[in-house]
Amino acid sequence: MERTLLTNADRAARQGFERGVAQGRRQGIEQGRRELLLALLGRRFGPLPEATLRRLQELRSPEEIEGLAERVLDARSLEDLGL
């Protein structure tokens, strides 16, 4: 019985670790996308206003971040991007 409990505890610890790694990976990818978007915006429009930087930090959806990044090259202003 004790061996089974240790095995279950080990299994639970392993699953928790794997979930943590997956979550960290997702957060790292999101942060990388956000940093790339900031670099693209800065290159295209110059120094970004504080309000724009705050708005970008509020983006949570990877789709929002990617959508903005895709539209950077076509936008004539930050306003065109809704920023």
N, C-alpha and C. Protein backbone atom coordinates (compact mmCIF):
# COMPACT_ATOMS: atom_id res chain seq x y z
N MET A 1 0.82 -1.20 0.00
CA MET A 1 0.00 0.00 0.00
C MET A 1 0.86 1.26 0.00
N GLU A 2 1.90 1.29 0.83
CA GLU A 2 2.76 2.46 0.90
C GLU A 2 3.44 2.72 -0.45
N ARG A 3 3.84 1.67 -1.12
CA ARG A 3 4.47 1.82 -2.43
C ARG A 3 3.51 2.45 -3.43
N THR A 4 2.23 2.07 -3.39
CA THR A 4 1.22 2.63 -4.27
C THR A 4 1.03 4.11 -3.97
N LEU A 5 1.01 4.49 -2.70
CA LEU A 5 0.85 5.90 -2.34
C LEU A 5 2.02 6.73 -2.86
N LEU A 6 3.21 6.21 -2.73
CA LEU A 6 4.37 6.93 -3.24
C LEU A 6 4.29 7.06 -4.76
N THR A 7 3.86 6.01 -5.40
CA THR A 7 3.73 6.05 -6.85
C THR A 7 2.68 7.08 -7.26
N ASN A 8 1.56 7.11 -6.56
CA ASN A 8 0.52 8.10 -6.87
C ASN A 8 1.03 9.52 -6.59
N ALA A 9 1.75 9.67 -5.49
CA ALA A 9 2.30 10.99 -5.16
C ALA A 9 3.32 11.41 -6.21
N ASP A 10 4.16 10.47 -6.62
CA ASP A 10 5.14 10.77 -7.67
C ASP A 10 4.45 11.15 -8.98
N ARG A 11 3.39 10.42 -9.29
CA ARG A 11 2.65 10.69 -10.52
C ARG A 11 2.01 12.09 -10.46
N ALA A 12 1.43 12.41 -9.32
CA ALA A 12 0.80 13.73 -9.17
C ALA A 12 1.85 14.84 -9.25
N ALA A 13 3.01 14.61 -8.64
CA ALA A 13 4.08 15.61 -8.70
C ALA A 13 4.56 15.79 -10.14
N ARG A 14 4.68 14.70 -10.84
CA ARG A 14 5.13 14.75 -12.24
C ARG A 14 4.13 15.51 -13.11
N GLN A 15 2.84 15.24 -12.90
CA GLN A 15 1.80 15.94 -13.67
C GLN A 15 1.81 17.42 -13.36
N GLY A 16 1.97 17.76 -12.09
CA GLY A 16 2.04 19.17 -11.71
C GLY A 16 3.24 19.86 -12.35
N PHE A 17 4.37 19.16 -12.33
CA PHE A 17 5.57 19.71 -12.96
C PHE A 17 5.35 19.93 -14.46
N GLU A 18 4.78 18.95 -15.13
CA GLU A 18 4.54 19.07 -16.57
C GLU A 18 3.57 20.20 -16.89
N ARG A 19 2.54 20.36 -16.07
CA ARG A 19 1.61 21.49 -16.28
C ARG A 19 2.33 22.82 -16.10
N GLY A 20 3.19 22.89 -15.10
CA GLY A 20 3.95 24.12 -14.86
C GLY A 20 4.88 24.45 -16.02
N VAL A 21 5.54 23.43 -16.55
CA VAL A 21 6.43 23.63 -17.70
C VAL A 21 5.63 24.12 -18.91
N ALA A 22 4.49 23.49 -19.15
CA ALA A 22 3.65 23.89 -20.30
C ALA A 22 3.17 25.33 -20.14
N GLN A 23 2.75 25.68 -18.92
CA GLN A 23 2.29 27.04 -18.68
C GLN A 23 3.44 28.04 -18.86
N GLY A 24 4.61 27.71 -18.36
CA GLY A 24 5.77 28.58 -18.52
C GLY A 24 6.14 28.76 -19.99
N ARG A 25 6.03 27.69 -20.74
CA ARG A 25 6.32 27.76 -22.17
C ARG A 25 5.34 28.70 -22.87
N ARG A 26 4.05 28.54 -22.56
CA ARG A 26 3.04 29.42 -23.17
C ARG A 26 3.30 30.87 -22.81
N GLN A 27 3.63 31.13 -21.56
CA GLN A 27 3.89 32.50 -21.14
C GLN A 27 5.13 33.06 -21.82
N GLY A 28 6.15 32.23 -22.00
CA GLY A 28 7.36 32.67 -22.69
C GLY A 28 7.11 33.00 -24.14
N ILE A 29 6.31 32.17 -24.79
CA ILE A 29 5.96 32.43 -26.19
C ILE A 29 5.17 33.72 -26.30
N GLU A 30 4.21 33.91 -25.39
CA GLU A 30 3.41 35.14 -25.41
C GLU A 30 4.30 36.36 -25.19
N GLN A 31 5.23 36.28 -24.26
CA GLN A 31 6.11 37.42 -24.00
C GLN A 31 7.00 37.69 -25.22
N GLY A 32 7.47 36.64 -25.87
CA GLY A 32 8.28 36.82 -27.07
C GLY A 32 7.50 37.49 -28.19
N ARG A 33 6.25 37.09 -28.35
CA ARG A 33 5.40 37.73 -29.37
C ARG A 33 5.19 39.20 -29.05
N ARG A 34 4.95 39.48 -27.78
CA ARG A 34 4.71 40.86 -27.35
C ARG A 34 5.97 41.71 -27.61
N GLU A 35 7.14 41.16 -27.29
CA GLU A 35 8.39 41.89 -27.50
C GLU A 35 8.65 42.12 -29.00
N LEU A 36 8.35 41.13 -29.81
CA LEU A 36 8.50 41.31 -31.25
C LEU A 36 7.56 42.40 -31.77
N LEU A 37 6.32 42.39 -31.30
CA LEU A 37 5.36 43.42 -31.69
C LEU A 37 5.86 44.80 -31.27
N LEU A 38 6.39 44.92 -30.06
CA LEU A 38 6.93 46.21 -29.61
C LEU A 38 8.08 46.66 -30.51
N ALA A 39 8.94 45.74 -30.89
CA ALA A 39 10.06 46.08 -31.76
C ALA A 39 9.57 46.53 -33.13
N LEU A 40 8.59 45.82 -33.67
CA LEU A 40 8.05 46.20 -34.98
C LEU A 40 7.39 47.58 -34.92
N LEU A 41 6.60 47.80 -33.88
CA LEU A 41 5.93 49.09 -33.74
C LEU A 41 6.95 50.22 -33.58
N GLY A 42 7.96 49.99 -32.77
CA GLY A 42 8.99 51.01 -32.57
C GLY A 42 9.75 51.31 -33.85
N ARG A 43 10.02 50.28 -34.61
CA ARG A 43 10.74 50.46 -35.88
C ARG A 43 9.87 51.23 -36.88
N ARG A 44 8.59 50.92 -36.89
CA ARG A 44 7.67 51.53 -37.87
C ARG A 44 7.28 52.96 -37.50
N PHE A 45 7.01 53.18 -36.19
CA PHE A 45 6.44 54.47 -35.77
C PHE A 45 7.33 55.28 -34.84
N GLY A 46 8.50 54.79 -34.50
CA GLY A 46 9.37 55.51 -33.58
C GLY A 46 8.97 55.24 -32.14
N PRO A 47 9.50 56.05 -31.23
CA PRO A 47 9.21 55.84 -29.80
C PRO A 47 7.69 55.81 -29.55
N LEU A 48 7.28 54.84 -28.75
CA LEU A 48 5.84 54.66 -28.51
C LEU A 48 5.39 55.42 -27.28
N PRO A 49 4.23 56.05 -27.35
CA PRO A 49 3.68 56.75 -26.19
C PRO A 49 3.38 55.77 -25.05
N GLU A 50 3.42 56.28 -23.84
CA GLU A 50 3.14 55.45 -22.66
C GLU A 50 1.78 54.77 -22.74
N ALA A 51 0.78 55.48 -23.24
CA ALA A 51 -0.56 54.90 -23.36
C ALA A 51 -0.55 53.67 -24.27
N THR A 52 0.22 53.73 -25.34
CA THR A 52 0.32 52.59 -26.25
C THR A 52 1.03 51.43 -25.57
N LEU A 53 2.09 51.72 -24.84
CA LEU A 53 2.81 50.66 -24.12
C LEU A 53 1.91 49.98 -23.10
N ARG A 54 1.11 50.77 -22.39
CA ARG A 54 0.17 50.19 -21.42
C ARG A 54 -0.86 49.32 -22.11
N ARG A 55 -1.37 49.80 -23.22
CA ARG A 55 -2.38 49.03 -23.98
C ARG A 55 -1.80 47.70 -24.44
N LEU A 56 -0.57 47.72 -24.92
CA LEU A 56 0.06 46.48 -25.37
C LEU A 56 0.27 45.50 -24.23
N GLN A 57 0.57 46.00 -23.04
CA GLN A 57 0.74 45.11 -21.89
C GLN A 57 -0.58 44.49 -21.45
N GLU A 58 -1.68 45.13 -21.79
CA GLU A 58 -3.00 44.61 -21.42
C GLU A 58 -3.48 43.51 -22.36
N LEU A 59 -2.86 43.37 -23.53
CA LEU A 59 -3.27 42.33 -24.47
C LEU A 59 -3.00 40.97 -23.85
N ARG A 60 -3.98 40.11 -23.84
CA ARG A 60 -3.83 38.77 -23.25
C ARG A 60 -3.95 37.67 -24.28
N SER A 61 -4.63 37.93 -25.34
CA SER A 61 -4.90 36.90 -26.33
C SER A 61 -3.75 36.83 -27.33
N PRO A 62 -3.20 35.64 -27.56
CA PRO A 62 -2.18 35.51 -28.60
C PRO A 62 -2.70 35.96 -29.97
N GLU A 63 -3.99 35.77 -30.19
CA GLU A 63 -4.59 36.19 -31.46
C GLU A 63 -4.56 37.71 -31.61
N GLU A 64 -4.79 38.43 -30.51
CA GLU A 64 -4.73 39.90 -30.57
C GLU A 64 -3.32 40.36 -30.92
N ILE A 65 -2.35 39.76 -30.25
CA ILE A 65 -0.95 40.15 -30.47
C ILE A 65 -0.54 39.85 -31.91
N GLU A 66 -0.86 38.66 -32.39
CA GLU A 66 -0.52 38.28 -33.76
C GLU A 66 -1.24 39.15 -34.78
N GLY A 67 -2.51 39.46 -34.51
CA GLY A 67 -3.29 40.29 -35.42
C GLY A 67 -2.67 41.67 -35.59
N LEU A 68 -2.25 42.26 -34.47
CA LEU A 68 -1.59 43.57 -34.55
C LEU A 68 -0.28 43.47 -35.31
N ALA A 69 0.50 42.44 -35.02
CA ALA A 69 1.79 42.28 -35.69
C ALA A 69 1.62 42.14 -37.19
N GLU A 70 0.59 41.43 -37.61
CA GLU A 70 0.35 41.25 -39.04
C GLU A 70 -0.06 42.56 -39.72
N ARG A 71 -0.71 43.45 -38.98
CA ARG A 71 -1.20 44.69 -39.58
C ARG A 71 -0.18 45.83 -39.51
N VAL A 72 0.92 45.64 -38.80
CA VAL A 72 1.90 46.72 -38.62
C VAL A 72 2.41 47.25 -39.96
N LEU A 73 2.70 46.39 -40.89
CA LEU A 73 3.29 46.84 -42.15
C LEU A 73 2.34 47.66 -43.01
N ASP A 74 1.05 47.43 -42.86
CA ASP A 74 0.06 48.15 -43.65
C ASP A 74 -0.45 49.42 -42.98
N ALA A 75 -0.27 49.52 -41.68
CA ALA A 75 -0.81 50.66 -40.93
C ALA A 75 -0.01 51.92 -41.21
N ARG A 76 -0.73 53.03 -41.30
CA ARG A 76 -0.06 54.32 -41.50
C ARG A 76 0.19 55.05 -40.18
N SER A 77 -0.51 54.58 -39.13
CA SER A 77 -0.36 55.22 -37.81
C SER A 77 -0.75 54.23 -36.72
N LEU A 78 -0.42 54.58 -35.50
CA LEU A 78 -0.86 53.76 -34.37
C LEU A 78 -2.38 53.74 -34.27
N GLU A 79 -3.01 54.83 -34.66
CA GLU A 79 -4.46 54.90 -34.64
C GLU A 79 -5.09 53.90 -35.60
N ASP A 80 -4.42 53.67 -36.74
CA ASP A 80 -4.91 52.66 -37.68
C ASP A 80 -4.96 51.28 -37.03
N LEU A 81 -4.11 51.06 -36.06
CA LEU A 81 -4.05 49.77 -35.35
C LEU A 81 -4.98 49.74 -34.14
N GLY A 82 -5.61 50.85 -33.87
CA GLY A 82 -6.46 50.94 -32.68
C GLY A 82 -5.67 51.15 -31.42
N LEU A 83 -4.47 51.68 -31.56
CA LEU A 83 -3.62 51.94 -30.41
C LEU A 83 -3.49 53.43 -30.20
